[in-house]
């Protein structure tokens, strides 16, 4: 993982933890949107928040979603 990709990953994961701690609903689409927003701030023009990226992010950080939100992941 490149330094910039690691920075994106760390920022998205920190944001994710904050959202979960404050009781916000979370799903894959929301994570992908946040990742795209962070990538834009980091000027990562080629970044794609694909389903593959999402799957790797979830595995790396042991992220799961409640069943009622799972269909949106």
Protein backbone atom coordinates (compact mmCIF):
# COMPACT_ATOMS: atom_id res chain seq x y z
CA UNK A 1 0.00 0.00 0.00
CA UNK A 2 1.42 3.36 -0.99
CA UNK A 3 1.89 6.13 1.54
CA UNK A 4 -1.01 8.11 0.09
CA UNK A 5 -3.28 5.04 0.05
CA UNK A 6 -2.35 4.37 3.69
CA UNK A 7 -3.21 7.95 4.56
CA UNK A 8 -6.60 7.61 2.87
CA UNK A 9 -7.21 4.32 4.64
CA UNK A 10 -6.30 5.78 8.04
CA UNK A 11 -8.49 8.85 7.54
CA UNK A 12 -11.50 6.86 6.37
CA UNK A 13 -11.12 4.36 9.21
CA UNK A 14 -10.83 7.13 11.83
CA UNK A 15 -13.94 8.76 10.40
CA UNK A 16 -15.74 5.39 10.38
CA UNK A 17 -14.92 4.79 14.06
CA UNK A 18 -16.18 8.24 15.00
CA UNK A 19 -19.42 7.72 13.09
CA UNK A 20 -20.03 4.34 14.74
CA UNK A 21 -19.23 5.71 18.21
CA UNK A 22 -21.77 8.50 17.74
CA UNK A 23 -24.47 6.05 16.63
CA UNK A 24 -24.58 6.98 12.95
CA UNK A 25 -25.88 4.40 10.49
CA UNK A 26 -23.20 2.97 8.27
CA UNK A 27 -23.11 0.95 5.09
CA UNK A 28 -20.85 0.32 2.13
CA UNK A 29 -22.19 3.16 0.01
CA UNK A 30 -21.53 5.68 2.77
CA UNK A 31 -17.97 4.37 3.23
CA UNK A 32 -17.34 4.54 -0.52
CA UNK A 33 -18.64 8.11 -0.69
CA UNK A 34 -16.41 9.15 2.21
CA UNK A 35 -13.40 7.45 0.62
CA UNK A 36 -14.01 9.34 -2.64
CA UNK A 37 -14.28 12.60 -0.72
CA UNK A 38 -11.03 11.96 1.15
CA UNK A 39 -9.29 10.88 -2.07
CA UNK A 40 -10.32 14.16 -3.66
CA UNK A 41 -8.85 16.10 -0.73
CA UNK A 42 -5.63 14.09 -1.07
CA UNK A 43 -5.64 14.75 -4.81
CA UNK A 44 -5.77 11.05 -5.63
CA UNK A 45 -7.30 11.50 -9.07
CA UNK A 46 -7.12 7.83 -10.06
CA UNK A 47 -8.70 6.46 -6.89
CA UNK A 48 -11.84 4.38 -7.34
CA UNK A 49 -13.89 3.41 -4.31
CA UNK A 50 -14.85 0.15 -6.01
CA UNK A 51 -16.53 -2.85 -4.44
CA UNK A 52 -13.08 -4.45 -4.41
CA UNK A 53 -11.69 -1.51 -2.43
CA UNK A 54 -14.65 -1.71 -0.05
CA UNK A 55 -14.21 -5.45 0.45
CA UNK A 56 -10.50 -5.05 1.22
CA UNK A 57 -11.21 -2.14 3.60
CA UNK A 58 -13.83 -4.18 5.47
CA UNK A 59 -11.50 -7.17 5.79
CA UNK A 60 -8.52 -5.05 6.84
CA UNK A 61 -10.49 -3.36 9.62
CA UNK A 62 -12.93 -6.18 10.49
CA UNK A 63 -15.86 -3.99 9.48
CA UNK A 64 -19.31 -5.53 9.37
CA UNK A 65 -22.72 -3.99 8.97
CA UNK A 66 -25.99 -4.93 10.70
CA UNK A 67 -28.19 -7.17 8.54
CA UNK A 68 -30.73 -4.42 7.88
CA UNK A 69 -27.95 -2.30 6.33
CA UNK A 70 -26.03 -5.19 4.76
CA UNK A 71 -27.86 -5.03 1.45
CA UNK A 72 -26.45 -1.53 0.99
CA UNK A 73 -22.86 -2.68 1.46
